[in-house]
mmCIF file of all heavy atoms, coordinates in Angstrom:
data_MODEL
# 
_entry.id   MODEL 
# 
loop_
_atom_site.group_PDB 
_atom_site.id 
_atom_site.type_symbol 
_atom_site.label_atom_id 
_atom_site.label_alt_id 
_atom_site.label_comp_id 
_atom_site.label_asym_id 
_atom_site.label_entity_id 
_atom_site.label_seq_id 
_atom_site.pdbx_PDB_ins_code 
_atom_site.Cartn_x 
_atom_site.Cartn_y 
_atom_site.Cartn_z 
_atom_site.occupancy 
_atom_site.B_iso_or_equiv 
_atom_site.pdbx_formal_charge 
_atom_site.auth_seq_id 
_atom_site.auth_comp_id 
_atom_site.auth_asym_id 
_atom_site.auth_atom_id 
_atom_site.pdbx_PDB_model_num 
ATOM 1   N N   . LEU A 1 1  ? -103.335 -9.175  86.459  1.00 0.00 ? 1  LEU A N   1 
ATOM 2   C CA  . LEU A 1 1  ? -103.533 -10.347 85.618  1.00 0.00 ? 1  LEU A CA  1 
ATOM 3   C C   . LEU A 1 1  ? -104.844 -10.293 84.846  1.00 0.00 ? 1  LEU A C   1 
ATOM 4   O O   . LEU A 1 1  ? -104.932 -10.784 83.722  1.00 0.00 ? 1  LEU A O   1 
ATOM 5   C CB  . LEU A 1 1  ? -103.476 -11.605 86.476  1.00 0.00 ? 1  LEU A CB  1 
ATOM 6   C CG  . LEU A 1 1  ? -102.125 -11.998 87.061  1.00 0.00 ? 1  LEU A CG  1 
ATOM 7   C CD1 . LEU A 1 1  ? -102.288 -13.157 88.030  1.00 0.00 ? 1  LEU A CD1 1 
ATOM 8   C CD2 . LEU A 1 1  ? -101.142 -12.381 85.949  1.00 0.00 ? 1  LEU A CD2 1 
ATOM 9   N N   . ALA A 1 2  ? -105.849 -9.698  85.486  1.00 0.00 ? 2  ALA A N   1 
ATOM 10  C CA  . ALA A 1 2  ? -107.181 -9.598  84.855  1.00 0.00 ? 2  ALA A CA  1 
ATOM 11  C C   . ALA A 1 2  ? -107.277 -8.416  83.880  1.00 0.00 ? 2  ALA A C   1 
ATOM 12  O O   . ALA A 1 2  ? -108.350 -8.214  83.300  1.00 0.00 ? 2  ALA A O   1 
ATOM 13  C CB  . ALA A 1 2  ? -108.256 -9.472  85.923  1.00 0.00 ? 2  ALA A CB  1 
ATOM 14  N N   . GLY A 1 3  ? -106.154 -7.694  83.725  1.00 0.00 ? 3  GLY A N   1 
ATOM 15  C CA  . GLY A 1 3  ? -106.166 -6.620  82.763  1.00 0.00 ? 3  GLY A CA  1 
ATOM 16  C C   . GLY A 1 3  ? -106.446 -5.245  83.356  1.00 0.00 ? 3  GLY A C   1 
ATOM 17  O O   . GLY A 1 3  ? -106.555 -4.255  82.583  1.00 0.00 ? 3  GLY A O   1 
ATOM 18  N N   . GLY A 1 4  ? -106.575 -5.144  84.671  1.00 0.00 ? 4  GLY A N   1 
ATOM 19  C CA  . GLY A 1 4  ? -106.809 -3.867  85.307  1.00 0.00 ? 4  GLY A CA  1 
ATOM 20  C C   . GLY A 1 4  ? -105.516 -3.145  85.655  1.00 0.00 ? 4  GLY A C   1 
ATOM 21  O O   . GLY A 1 4  ? -104.427 -3.578  85.309  1.00 0.00 ? 4  GLY A O   1 
ATOM 22  N N   . ASP A 1 5  ? -105.662 -2.057  86.390  1.00 0.00 ? 5  ASP A N   1 
ATOM 23  C CA  . ASP A 1 5  ? -104.511 -1.241  86.778  1.00 0.00 ? 5  ASP A CA  1 
ATOM 24  C C   . ASP A 1 5  ? -104.437 -1.228  88.311  1.00 0.00 ? 5  ASP A C   1 
ATOM 25  O O   . ASP A 1 5  ? -105.170 -0.481  88.977  1.00 0.00 ? 5  ASP A O   1 
ATOM 26  C CB  . ASP A 1 5  ? -104.668 0.185   86.232  1.00 0.00 ? 5  ASP A CB  1 
ATOM 27  C CG  . ASP A 1 5  ? -103.468 1.077   86.537  1.00 0.00 ? 5  ASP A CG  1 
ATOM 28  O OD1 . ASP A 1 5  ? -102.651 0.698   87.384  1.00 0.00 ? 5  ASP A OD1 1 
ATOM 29  O OD2 . ASP A 1 5  ? -103.354 2.147   85.899  1.00 0.00 ? 5  ASP A OD2 1 
ATOM 30  N N   . ALA A 1 6  ? -103.576 -2.050  88.879  1.00 0.00 ? 6  ALA A N   1 
ATOM 31  C CA  . ALA A 1 6  ? -103.508 -2.182  90.343  1.00 0.00 ? 6  ALA A CA  1 
ATOM 32  C C   . ALA A 1 6  ? -103.136 -0.882  90.997  1.00 0.00 ? 6  ALA A C   1 
ATOM 33  O O   . ALA A 1 6  ? -103.690 -0.529  92.056  1.00 0.00 ? 6  ALA A O   1 
ATOM 34  C CB  . ALA A 1 6  ? -102.512 -3.281  90.717  1.00 0.00 ? 6  ALA A CB  1 
ATOM 35  N N   . GLU A 1 7  ? -102.204 -0.128  90.399  1.00 0.00 ? 7  GLU A N   1 
ATOM 36  C CA  . GLU A 1 7  ? -101.796 1.139   91.010  1.00 0.00 ? 7  GLU A CA  1 
ATOM 37  C C   . GLU A 1 7  ? -102.961 2.085   91.130  1.00 0.00 ? 7  GLU A C   1 
ATOM 38  O O   . GLU A 1 7  ? -103.119 2.793   92.129  1.00 0.00 ? 7  GLU A O   1 
ATOM 39  C CB  . GLU A 1 7  ? -100.656 1.756   90.193  1.00 0.00 ? 7  GLU A CB  1 
ATOM 40  C CG  . GLU A 1 7  ? -100.087 3.022   90.858  1.00 0.00 ? 7  GLU A CG  1 
ATOM 41  C CD  . GLU A 1 7  ? -98.900  3.577   90.101  1.00 0.00 ? 7  GLU A CD  1 
ATOM 42  O OE1 . GLU A 1 7  ? -98.456  2.941   89.104  1.00 0.00 ? 7  GLU A OE1 1 
ATOM 43  O OE2 . GLU A 1 7  ? -98.425  4.681   90.477  1.00 0.00 ? 7  GLU A OE2 1 
ATOM 44  N N   . ALA A 1 8  ? -103.792 2.151   90.074  1.00 0.00 ? 8  ALA A N   1 
ATOM 45  C CA  . ALA A 1 8  ? -104.972 3.015   90.138  1.00 0.00 ? 8  ALA A CA  1 
ATOM 46  C C   . ALA A 1 8  ? -105.924 2.575   91.218  1.00 0.00 ? 8  ALA A C   1 
ATOM 47  O O   . ALA A 1 8  ? -106.518 3.388   91.938  1.00 0.00 ? 8  ALA A O   1 
ATOM 48  C CB  . ALA A 1 8  ? -105.658 3.023   88.766  1.00 0.00 ? 8  ALA A CB  1 
ATOM 49  N N   . TRP A 1 9  ? -106.063 1.246   91.390  1.00 0.00 ? 9  TRP A N   1 
ATOM 50  C CA  . TRP A 1 9  ? -106.948 0.747   92.446  1.00 0.00 ? 9  TRP A CA  1 
ATOM 51  C C   . TRP A 1 9  ? -106.392 1.075   93.842  1.00 0.00 ? 9  TRP A C   1 
ATOM 52  O O   . TRP A 1 9  ? -107.157 1.320   94.775  1.00 0.00 ? 9  TRP A O   1 
ATOM 53  C CB  . TRP A 1 9  ? -107.136 -0.774  92.303  1.00 0.00 ? 9  TRP A CB  1 
ATOM 54  C CG  . TRP A 1 9  ? -108.249 -1.110  91.375  1.00 0.00 ? 9  TRP A CG  1 
ATOM 55  C CD1 . TRP A 1 9  ? -108.329 -0.884  90.047  1.00 0.00 ? 9  TRP A CD1 1 
ATOM 56  C CD2 . TRP A 1 9  ? -109.492 -1.710  91.748  1.00 0.00 ? 9  TRP A CD2 1 
ATOM 57  N NE1 . TRP A 1 9  ? -109.524 -1.313  89.526  1.00 0.00 ? 9  TRP A NE1 1 
ATOM 58  C CE2 . TRP A 1 9  ? -110.251 -1.833  90.557  1.00 0.00 ? 9  TRP A CE2 1 
ATOM 59  C CE3 . TRP A 1 9  ? -110.010 -2.167  92.945  1.00 0.00 ? 9  TRP A CE3 1 
ATOM 60  C CZ2 . TRP A 1 9  ? -111.532 -2.389  90.568  1.00 0.00 ? 9  TRP A CZ2 1 
ATOM 61  C CZ3 . TRP A 1 9  ? -111.292 -2.717  92.937  1.00 0.00 ? 9  TRP A CZ3 1 
ATOM 62  C CH2 . TRP A 1 9  ? -112.050 -2.818  91.766  1.00 0.00 ? 9  TRP A CH2 1 
ATOM 63  N N   . GLN A 1 10 ? -105.087 1.097   93.956  1.00 0.00 ? 10 GLN A N   1 
ATOM 64  C CA  . GLN A 1 10 ? -104.479 1.459   95.224  1.00 0.00 ? 10 GLN A CA  1 
ATOM 65  C C   . GLN A 1 10 ? -104.633 2.938   95.551  1.00 0.00 ? 10 GLN A C   1 
ATOM 66  O O   . GLN A 1 10 ? -104.562 3.326   96.718  1.00 0.00 ? 10 GLN A O   1 
ATOM 67  C CB  . GLN A 1 10 ? -102.976 1.085   95.232  1.00 0.00 ? 10 GLN A CB  1 
ATOM 68  C CG  . GLN A 1 10 ? -102.742 -0.422  95.248  1.00 0.00 ? 10 GLN A CG  1 
ATOM 69  C CD  . GLN A 1 10 ? -101.358 -0.823  94.818  1.00 0.00 ? 10 GLN A CD  1 
ATOM 70  O OE1 . GLN A 1 10 ? -100.668 -0.047  94.160  1.00 0.00 ? 10 GLN A OE1 1 
ATOM 71  N NE2 . GLN A 1 10 ? -100.939 -2.039  95.180  1.00 0.00 ? 10 GLN A NE2 1 
ATOM 72  N N   . ASN A 1 11 ? -104.886 3.749   94.547  1.00 0.00 ? 11 ASN A N   1 
ATOM 73  C CA  . ASN A 1 11 ? -105.033 5.201   94.744  1.00 0.00 ? 11 ASN A CA  1 
ATOM 74  C C   . ASN A 1 11 ? -106.491 5.622   94.736  1.00 0.00 ? 11 ASN A C   1 
ATOM 75  O O   . ASN A 1 11 ? -106.785 6.822   94.755  1.00 0.00 ? 11 ASN A O   1 
ATOM 76  C CB  . ASN A 1 11 ? -104.284 5.956   93.652  1.00 0.00 ? 11 ASN A CB  1 
ATOM 77  C CG  . ASN A 1 11 ? -102.779 5.836   93.816  1.00 0.00 ? 11 ASN A CG  1 
ATOM 78  O OD1 . ASN A 1 11 ? -102.277 5.842   94.936  1.00 0.00 ? 11 ASN A OD1 1 
ATOM 79  N ND2 . ASN A 1 11 ? -102.051 5.699   92.685  1.00 0.00 ? 11 ASN A ND2 1 
ATOM 80  N N   . ARG A 1 12 ? -107.404 4.688   94.699  1.00 0.00 ? 12 ARG A N   1 
ATOM 81  C CA  . ARG A 1 12 ? -108.820 5.018   94.802  1.00 0.00 ? 12 ARG A CA  1 
ATOM 82  C C   . ARG A 1 12 ? -109.149 5.552   96.198  1.00 0.00 ? 12 ARG A C   1 
ATOM 83  O O   . ARG A 1 12 ? -108.330 5.500   97.103  1.00 0.00 ? 12 ARG A O   1 
ATOM 84  C CB  . ARG A 1 12 ? -109.677 3.767   94.504  1.00 0.00 ? 12 ARG A CB  1 
ATOM 85  C CG  . ARG A 1 12 ? -109.753 3.416   93.024  1.00 0.00 ? 12 ARG A CG  1 
ATOM 86  C CD  . ARG A 1 12 ? -110.754 2.296   92.798  1.00 0.00 ? 12 ARG A CD  1 
ATOM 87  N NE  . ARG A 1 12 ? -111.077 2.185   91.381  1.00 0.00 ? 12 ARG A NE  1 
ATOM 88  C CZ  . ARG A 1 12 ? -112.124 1.526   90.911  1.00 0.00 ? 12 ARG A CZ  1 
ATOM 89  N NH1 . ARG A 1 12 ? -112.966 0.909   91.765  1.00 0.00 ? 12 ARG A NH1 1 
ATOM 90  N NH2 . ARG A 1 12 ? -112.345 1.453   89.633  1.00 0.00 ? 12 ARG A NH2 1 
ATOM 91  N N   . ASP A 1 13 ? -110.388 6.070   96.348  1.00 0.00 ? 13 ASP A N   1 
ATOM 92  C CA  . ASP A 1 13 ? -110.815 6.587   97.647  1.00 0.00 ? 13 ASP A CA  1 
ATOM 93  C C   . ASP A 1 13 ? -110.641 5.502   98.715  1.00 0.00 ? 13 ASP A C   1 
ATOM 94  O O   . ASP A 1 13 ? -110.907 4.334   98.482  1.00 0.00 ? 13 ASP A O   1 
ATOM 95  C CB  . ASP A 1 13 ? -112.266 7.013   97.576  1.00 0.00 ? 13 ASP A CB  1 
ATOM 96  C CG  . ASP A 1 13 ? -112.456 8.283   96.761  1.00 0.00 ? 13 ASP A CG  1 
ATOM 97  O OD1 . ASP A 1 13 ? -111.468 8.972   96.504  1.00 0.00 ? 13 ASP A OD1 1 
ATOM 98  O OD2 . ASP A 1 13 ? -113.605 8.543   96.334  1.00 0.00 ? 13 ASP A OD2 1 
ATOM 99  N N   . LYS A 1 14 ? -110.198 5.969   99.861  1.00 0.00 ? 14 LYS A N   1 
ATOM 100 C CA  . LYS A 1 14 ? -109.955 5.036   100.945 1.00 0.00 ? 14 LYS A CA  1 
ATOM 101 C C   . LYS A 1 14 ? -111.257 4.438   101.444 1.00 0.00 ? 14 LYS A C   1 
ATOM 102 O O   . LYS A 1 14 ? -112.269 5.122   101.612 1.00 0.00 ? 14 LYS A O   1 
ATOM 103 C CB  . LYS A 1 14 ? -109.227 5.743   102.079 1.00 0.00 ? 14 LYS A CB  1 
ATOM 104 C CG  . LYS A 1 14 ? -108.790 4.834   103.215 1.00 0.00 ? 14 LYS A CG  1 
ATOM 105 C CD  . LYS A 1 14 ? -107.961 5.609   104.234 1.00 0.00 ? 14 LYS A CD  1 
ATOM 106 C CE  . LYS A 1 14 ? -107.437 4.690   105.323 1.00 0.00 ? 14 LYS A CE  1 
ATOM 107 N NZ  . LYS A 1 14 ? -106.555 5.425   106.282 1.00 0.00 ? 14 LYS A NZ  1 
ATOM 108 N N   . TYR A 1 15 ? -111.197 3.133   101.736 1.00 0.00 ? 15 TYR A N   1 
ATOM 109 C CA  . TYR A 1 15 ? -112.368 2.461   102.300 1.00 0.00 ? 15 TYR A CA  1 
ATOM 110 C C   . TYR A 1 15 ? -112.479 2.838   103.776 1.00 0.00 ? 15 TYR A C   1 
ATOM 111 O O   . TYR A 1 15 ? -111.541 2.670   104.551 1.00 0.00 ? 15 TYR A O   1 
ATOM 112 C CB  . TYR A 1 15 ? -112.255 0.940   102.169 1.00 0.00 ? 15 TYR A CB  1 
ATOM 113 C CG  . TYR A 1 15 ? -113.401 0.217   102.804 1.00 0.00 ? 15 TYR A CG  1 
ATOM 114 C CD1 . TYR A 1 15 ? -114.644 0.147   102.220 1.00 0.00 ? 15 TYR A CD1 1 
ATOM 115 C CD2 . TYR A 1 15 ? -113.211 -0.414  104.056 1.00 0.00 ? 15 TYR A CD2 1 
ATOM 116 C CE1 . TYR A 1 15 ? -115.694 -0.521  102.818 1.00 0.00 ? 15 TYR A CE1 1 
ATOM 117 C CE2 . TYR A 1 15 ? -114.269 -1.095  104.677 1.00 0.00 ? 15 TYR A CE2 1 
ATOM 118 C CZ  . TYR A 1 15 ? -115.497 -1.145  104.038 1.00 0.00 ? 15 TYR A CZ  1 
ATOM 119 O OH  . TYR A 1 15 ? -116.552 -1.787  104.633 1.00 0.00 ? 15 TYR A OH  1 
ATOM 120 N N   . VAL A 1 16 ? -113.635 3.332   104.168 1.00 0.00 ? 16 VAL A N   1 
ATOM 121 C CA  . VAL A 1 16 ? -113.876 3.699   105.573 1.00 0.00 ? 16 VAL A CA  1 
ATOM 122 C C   . VAL A 1 16 ? -114.969 2.786   106.098 1.00 0.00 ? 16 VAL A C   1 
ATOM 123 O O   . VAL A 1 16 ? -116.111 2.867   105.661 1.00 0.00 ? 16 VAL A O   1 
ATOM 124 C CB  . VAL A 1 16 ? -114.326 5.174   105.703 1.00 0.00 ? 16 VAL A CB  1 
ATOM 125 C CG1 . VAL A 1 16 ? -114.591 5.486   107.183 1.00 0.00 ? 16 VAL A CG1 1 
ATOM 126 C CG2 . VAL A 1 16 ? -113.267 6.104   105.125 1.00 0.00 ? 16 VAL A CG2 1 
ATOM 127 N N   . PRO A 1 17 ? -114.628 1.868   106.983 1.00 0.00 ? 17 PRO A N   1 
ATOM 128 C CA  . PRO A 1 17 ? -115.635 0.937   107.490 1.00 0.00 ? 17 PRO A CA  1 
ATOM 129 C C   . PRO A 1 17 ? -116.686 1.645   108.342 1.00 0.00 ? 17 PRO A C   1 
ATOM 130 O O   . PRO A 1 17 ? -116.398 2.649   108.992 1.00 0.00 ? 17 PRO A O   1 
ATOM 131 C CB  . PRO A 1 17 ? -114.813 -0.036  108.360 1.00 0.00 ? 17 PRO A CB  1 
ATOM 132 C CG  . PRO A 1 17 ? -113.595 0.738   108.743 1.00 0.00 ? 17 PRO A CG  1 
ATOM 133 C CD  . PRO A 1 17 ? -113.306 1.657   107.609 1.00 0.00 ? 17 PRO A CD  1 
ATOM 134 N N   . LYS A 1 18 ? -117.870 1.125   108.276 1.00 0.00 ? 18 LYS A N   1 
ATOM 135 C CA  . LYS A 1 18 ? -118.951 1.668   109.075 1.00 0.00 ? 18 LYS A CA  1 
ATOM 136 C C   . LYS A 1 18 ? -118.769 1.244   110.512 1.00 0.00 ? 18 LYS A C   1 
ATOM 137 O O   . LYS A 1 18 ? -118.520 0.055   110.786 1.00 0.00 ? 18 LYS A O   1 
ATOM 138 C CB  . LYS A 1 18 ? -120.328 1.203   108.556 1.00 0.00 ? 18 LYS A CB  1 
ATOM 139 C CG  . LYS A 1 18 ? -120.634 1.673   107.153 1.00 0.00 ? 18 LYS A CG  1 
ATOM 140 C CD  . LYS A 1 18 ? -121.995 1.156   106.699 1.00 0.00 ? 18 LYS A CD  1 
ATOM 141 C CE  . LYS A 1 18 ? -122.331 1.669   105.302 1.00 0.00 ? 18 LYS A CE  1 
ATOM 142 N NZ  . LYS A 1 18 ? -121.418 1.138   104.270 1.00 0.00 ? 18 LYS A NZ  1 
ATOM 143 N N   . VAL A 1 19 ? -118.797 2.161   111.445 1.00 0.00 ? 19 VAL A N   1 
ATOM 144 C CA  . VAL A 1 19 ? -118.677 1.885   112.868 1.00 0.00 ? 19 VAL A CA  1 
ATOM 145 C C   . VAL A 1 19 ? -120.066 1.868   113.494 1.00 0.00 ? 19 VAL A C   1 
ATOM 146 O O   . VAL A 1 19 ? -120.777 2.868   113.461 1.00 0.00 ? 19 VAL A O   1 
ATOM 147 C CB  . VAL A 1 19 ? -117.776 2.915   113.591 1.00 0.00 ? 19 VAL A CB  1 
ATOM 148 C CG1 . VAL A 1 19 ? -117.665 2.599   115.059 1.00 0.00 ? 19 VAL A CG1 1 
ATOM 149 C CG2 . VAL A 1 19 ? -116.408 2.955   112.946 1.00 0.00 ? 19 VAL A CG2 1 
ATOM 150 N N   . ALA A 1 20 ? -120.431 0.726   114.045 1.00 0.00 ? 20 ALA A N   1 
ATOM 151 C CA  . ALA A 1 20 ? -121.754 0.618   114.604 1.00 0.00 ? 20 ALA A CA  1 
ATOM 152 C C   . ALA A 1 20 ? -121.881 1.460   115.889 1.00 0.00 ? 20 ALA A C   1 
ATOM 153 O O   . ALA A 1 20 ? -120.932 1.506   116.693 1.00 0.00 ? 20 ALA A O   1 
ATOM 154 C CB  . ALA A 1 20 ? -122.050 -0.835  114.941 1.00 0.00 ? 20 ALA A CB  1 
ATOM 155 N N   . ASP A 1 21 ? -122.997 2.121   116.023 1.00 0.00 ? 21 ASP A N   1 
ATOM 156 C CA  . ASP A 1 21 ? -123.261 2.856   117.269 1.00 0.00 ? 21 ASP A CA  1 
ATOM 157 C C   . ASP A 1 21 ? -123.535 1.892   118.392 1.00 0.00 ? 21 ASP A C   1 
ATOM 158 O O   . ASP A 1 21 ? -124.246 0.892   118.230 1.00 0.00 ? 21 ASP A O   1 
ATOM 159 C CB  . ASP A 1 21 ? -124.468 3.779   117.112 1.00 0.00 ? 21 ASP A CB  1 
ATOM 160 C CG  . ASP A 1 21 ? -124.172 4.995   116.266 1.00 0.00 ? 21 ASP A CG  1 
ATOM 161 O OD1 . ASP A 1 21 ? -123.084 5.565   116.463 1.00 0.00 ? 21 ASP A OD1 1 
ATOM 162 O OD2 . ASP A 1 21 ? -124.990 5.359   115.418 1.00 0.00 ? 21 ASP A OD2 1 
ATOM 163 N N   . ASN A 1 22 ? -122.906 2.115   119.531 1.00 0.00 ? 22 ASN A N   1 
ATOM 164 C CA  . ASN A 1 22 ? -123.159 1.294   120.725 1.00 0.00 ? 22 ASN A CA  1 
ATOM 165 C C   . ASN A 1 22 ? -123.893 2.122   121.748 1.00 0.00 ? 22 ASN A C   1 
ATOM 166 O O   . ASN A 1 22 ? -123.556 3.267   121.994 1.00 0.00 ? 22 ASN A O   1 
ATOM 167 C CB  . ASN A 1 22 ? -121.816 0.812   121.308 1.00 0.00 ? 22 ASN A CB  1 
ATOM 168 C CG  . ASN A 1 22 ? -121.138 -0.203  120.452 1.00 0.00 ? 22 ASN A CG  1 
ATOM 169 O OD1 . ASN A 1 22 ? -120.295 0.129   119.643 1.00 0.00 ? 22 ASN A OD1 1 
ATOM 170 N ND2 . ASN A 1 22 ? -121.534 -1.456  120.571 1.00 0.00 ? 22 ASN A ND2 1 
ATOM 171 N N   . THR A 1 23 ? -124.881 1.535   122.347 1.00 0.00 ? 23 THR A N   1 
ATOM 172 C CA  . THR A 1 23 ? -125.584 2.198   123.421 1.00 0.00 ? 23 THR A CA  1 
ATOM 173 C C   . THR A 1 23 ? -124.869 1.867   124.738 1.00 0.00 ? 23 THR A C   1 
ATOM 174 O O   . THR A 1 23 ? -124.116 0.925   124.833 1.00 0.00 ? 23 THR A O   1 
ATOM 175 C CB  . THR A 1 23 ? -127.034 1.754   123.498 1.00 0.00 ? 23 THR A CB  1 
ATOM 176 O OG1 . THR A 1 23 ? -127.076 0.322   123.639 1.00 0.00 ? 23 THR A OG1 1 
ATOM 177 C CG2 . THR A 1 23 ? -127.779 2.127   122.217 1.00 0.00 ? 23 THR A CG2 1 
ATOM 178 N N   . ASP A 1 24 ? -125.132 2.672   125.742 1.00 0.00 ? 24 ASP A N   1 
ATOM 179 C CA  . ASP A 1 24 ? -124.566 2.372   127.041 1.00 0.00 ? 24 ASP A CA  1 
ATOM 180 C C   . ASP A 1 24 ? -125.065 1.022   127.545 1.00 0.00 ? 24 ASP A C   1 
ATOM 181 O O   . ASP A 1 24 ? -126.181 0.594   127.271 1.00 0.00 ? 24 ASP A O   1 
ATOM 182 C CB  . ASP A 1 24 ? -124.967 3.483   128.041 1.00 0.00 ? 24 ASP A CB  1 
ATOM 183 C CG  . ASP A 1 24 ? -124.289 4.796   127.746 1.00 0.00 ? 24 ASP A CG  1 
ATOM 184 O OD1 . ASP A 1 24 ? -123.431 4.815   126.832 1.00 0.00 ? 24 ASP A OD1 1 
ATOM 185 O OD2 . ASP A 1 24 ? -124.622 5.802   128.405 1.00 0.00 ? 24 ASP A OD2 1 
ATOM 186 N N   . LEU A 1 25 ? -124.197 0.358   128.298 1.00 0.00 ? 25 LEU A N   1 
ATOM 187 C CA  . LEU A 1 25 ? -124.517 -0.969  128.788 1.00 0.00 ? 25 LEU A CA  1 
ATOM 188 C C   . LEU A 1 25 ? -124.427 -0.994  130.305 1.00 0.00 ? 25 LEU A C   1 
ATOM 189 O O   . LEU A 1 25 ? -123.678 -0.214  130.927 1.00 0.00 ? 25 LEU A O   1 
ATOM 190 C CB  . LEU A 1 25 ? -123.520 -1.984  128.222 1.00 0.00 ? 25 LEU A CB  1 
ATOM 191 C CG  . LEU A 1 25 ? -123.486 -2.148  126.712 1.00 0.00 ? 25 LEU A CG  1 
ATOM 192 C CD1 . LEU A 1 25 ? -122.319 -3.055  126.314 1.00 0.00 ? 25 LEU A CD1 1 
ATOM 193 C CD2 . LEU A 1 25 ? -124.791 -2.720  126.187 1.00 0.00 ? 25 LEU A CD2 1 
ATOM 194 N N   . ASP A 1 26 ? -125.189 -1.900  130.886 1.00 0.00 ? 26 ASP A N   1 
ATOM 195 C CA  . ASP A 1 26 ? -125.126 -2.145  132.345 1.00 0.00 ? 26 ASP A CA  1 
ATOM 196 C C   . ASP A 1 26 ? -124.811 -3.601  132.563 1.00 0.00 ? 26 ASP A C   1 
ATOM 197 O O   . ASP A 1 26 ? -125.413 -4.502  131.949 1.00 0.00 ? 26 ASP A O   1 
ATOM 198 C CB  . ASP A 1 26 ? -126.446 -1.799  133.021 1.00 0.00 ? 26 ASP A CB  1 
ATOM 199 C CG  . ASP A 1 26 ? -126.700 -0.302  133.071 1.00 0.00 ? 26 ASP A CG  1 
ATOM 200 O OD1 . ASP A 1 26 ? -126.088 0.378   133.915 1.00 0.00 ? 26 ASP A OD1 1 
ATOM 201 O OD2 . ASP A 1 26 ? -127.478 0.203   132.230 1.00 0.00 ? 26 ASP A OD2 1 
ATOM 202 N N   . THR A 1 27 ? -123.884 -3.885  133.481 1.00 0.00 ? 27 THR A N   1 
ATOM 203 C CA  . THR A 1 27 ? -123.508 -5.260  133.755 1.00 0.00 ? 27 THR A CA  1 
ATOM 204 C C   . THR A 1 27 ? -122.996 -5.379  135.171 1.00 0.00 ? 27 THR A C   1 
ATOM 205 O O   . THR A 1 27 ? -122.835 -4.347  135.875 1.00 0.00 ? 27 THR A O   1 
ATOM 206 C CB  . THR A 1 27 ? -122.430 -5.745  132.744 1.00 0.00 ? 27 THR A CB  1 
ATOM 207 O OG1 . THR A 1 27 ? -122.257 -7.146  132.872 1.00 0.00 ? 27 THR A OG1 1 
ATOM 208 C CG2 . THR A 1 27 ? -121.096 -5.033  132.995 1.00 0.00 ? 27 THR A CG2 1 
ATOM 209 N N   . ASP A 1 28 ? -122.739 -6.591  135.640 1.00 0.00 ? 28 ASP A N   1 
ATOM 210 C CA  . ASP A 1 28 ? -122.181 -6.767  136.968 1.00 0.00 ? 28 ASP A CA  1 
ATOM 211 C C   . ASP A 1 28 ? -120.661 -6.504  136.971 1.00 0.00 ? 28 ASP A C   1 
ATOM 212 O O   . ASP A 1 28 ? -120.138 -5.782  137.800 1.00 0.00 ? 28 ASP A O   1 
ATOM 213 C CB  . ASP A 1 28 ? -122.446 -8.180  137.482 1.00 0.00 ? 28 ASP A CB  1 
ATOM 214 C CG  . ASP A 1 28 ? -123.908 -8.480  137.670 1.00 0.00 ? 28 ASP A CG  1 
ATOM 215 O OD1 . ASP A 1 28 ? -124.647 -7.544  138.062 1.00 0.00 ? 28 ASP A OD1 1 
ATOM 216 O OD2 . ASP A 1 28 ? -124.343 -9.612  137.417 1.00 0.00 ? 28 ASP A OD2 1 
# 
């Protein structure tokens, strides 16, 4: 609707979310 190309946007590089590093945890 805004004049872009949805198909081209669907074929862009895949979004890869950043995965936060977790340190080891100690609990009861």
